[in-house]
Amino acid sequence: MKRYLRPLTGFMASSLIGALLVLPSIAQARCPSIGDKGLSGDCSPRSTQCYKSWVVDHRVLNGVPHYKLLVYRRYAAGSWAFVSETWYPC
């Protein structure tokens, strides 16, 4: 029985170490970095339903970390127009 426990405990220890190394990156991934951009909606060439979001600031509000997101919308002519500015919790 002792012979089978040794590989099992080694596997559990390496799994635990792996989980501890991955958890901080998952926690950090929850709050986007300043300068992160993303596209959403229908971004085909003729669509007017394409939105670009851009993270511009971080702040702690009421003890909770937040990030400020600016949203722009693309029009048929290819120009972008400001839509909203909102704080989101991380």
Protein backbone atom coordinates (compact mmCIF):
# COMPACT_ATOMS: atom_id res chain seq x y z
CA MET A 1 0.00 0.00 0.00
CA LYS A 2 2.83 2.36 0.81
CA ARG A 3 4.21 1.86 -2.68
CA TYR A 4 0.99 3.31 -4.24
CA LEU A 5 0.71 6.31 -1.91
CA ARG A 6 4.04 7.78 -2.87
CA PRO A 7 3.12 8.51 -6.54
CA LEU A 8 -0.30 9.76 -5.47
CA THR A 9 1.12 12.23 -2.94
CA GLY A 10 3.69 13.43 -5.50
CA PHE A 11 0.91 13.98 -8.04
CA MET A 12 -1.21 15.84 -5.47
CA ALA A 13 1.73 18.02 -4.44
CA SER A 14 2.58 18.92 -8.03
CA SER A 15 -1.12 19.64 -8.74
CA LEU A 16 -1.30 21.92 -5.71
CA ILE A 17 1.86 23.78 -6.73
CA GLY A 18 0.52 24.15 -10.28
CA ALA A 19 -2.77 25.51 -8.96
CA LEU A 20 -0.97 28.02 -6.74
CA LEU A 21 1.02 29.28 -9.71
CA VAL A 22 -2.06 29.64 -11.92
CA LEU A 23 -4.40 31.30 -9.39
CA PRO A 24 -2.62 34.69 -9.27
CA SER A 25 -2.74 34.97 -13.06
CA ILE A 26 -6.47 34.18 -13.01
CA ALA A 27 -7.08 36.79 -10.30
CA GLN A 28 -5.05 39.35 -12.22
CA ALA A 29 -6.91 38.56 -15.44
CA ARG A 30 -10.21 39.70 -13.89
CA CYS A 31 -9.28 43.38 -14.07
CA PRO A 32 -8.17 44.54 -17.54
CA SER A 33 -5.02 46.63 -17.90
CA ILE A 34 -5.00 50.27 -18.88
CA GLY A 35 -4.80 50.49 -22.66
CA ASP A 36 -6.61 47.20 -23.33
CA LYS A 37 -8.89 47.49 -26.36
CA GLY A 38 -11.54 45.21 -27.77
CA LEU A 39 -14.08 45.04 -30.57
CA SER A 40 -17.62 43.72 -30.21
CA GLY A 41 -20.74 43.47 -32.30
CA ASP A 42 -20.89 43.04 -36.06
CA CYS A 43 -17.63 44.50 -37.37
CA SER A 44 -18.12 43.64 -41.03
CA PRO A 45 -17.16 46.49 -43.41
CA ARG A 46 -20.67 47.94 -43.94
CA SER A 47 -22.05 47.37 -40.44
CA THR A 48 -22.82 50.23 -38.07
CA GLN A 49 -23.05 47.87 -35.07
CA CYS A 50 -19.30 47.66 -34.37
CA TYR A 51 -18.17 48.87 -30.95
CA LYS A 52 -14.64 49.51 -29.71
CA SER A 53 -14.01 49.50 -25.95
CA TRP A 54 -10.91 50.95 -24.33
CA VAL A 55 -9.76 50.75 -20.66
CA VAL A 56 -8.41 54.14 -19.58
CA ASP A 57 -8.25 54.21 -15.76
CA HIS A 58 -8.30 52.19 -12.52
CA ARG A 59 -9.72 53.35 -9.20
CA VAL A 60 -10.90 51.90 -5.88
CA LEU A 61 -14.50 52.93 -5.19
CA ASN A 62 -16.02 51.94 -1.83
CA GLY A 63 -13.19 49.44 -1.28
CA VAL A 64 -13.77 47.66 -4.61
CA PRO A 65 -11.32 48.02 -7.53
CA HIS A 66 -12.96 49.41 -10.68
CA TYR A 67 -11.84 50.19 -14.22
CA LYS A 68 -13.11 52.93 -16.54
CA LEU A 69 -14.23 51.78 -19.99
CA LEU A 70 -14.77 54.12 -22.94
CA VAL A 71 -16.98 52.81 -25.75
CA TYR A 72 -16.95 54.07 -29.35
CA ARG A 73 -19.26 53.12 -32.24
CA ARG A 74 -18.26 52.87 -35.89
CA TYR A 75 -20.50 54.45 -38.49
CA ALA A 76 -20.95 53.44 -42.14
CA ALA A 77 -18.46 56.08 -43.32
CA GLY A 78 -15.78 54.41 -41.19
CA SER A 79 -15.64 57.15 -38.56
CA TRP A 80 -15.81 56.41 -34.84
CA ALA A 81 -18.04 58.31 -32.38
CA PHE A 82 -17.98 58.33 -28.58
CA VAL A 83 -20.88 56.40 -26.97
CA SER A 84 -20.26 56.07 -23.22
CA GLU A 85 -17.86 56.22 -20.30
CA THR A 86 -18.58 53.80 -17.44
CA TRP A 87 -16.87 52.44 -14.29
CA TYR A 88 -17.05 48.64 -13.91
CA PRO A 89 -16.04 46.57 -10.86
CA CYS A 90 -13.16 44.14 -11.35
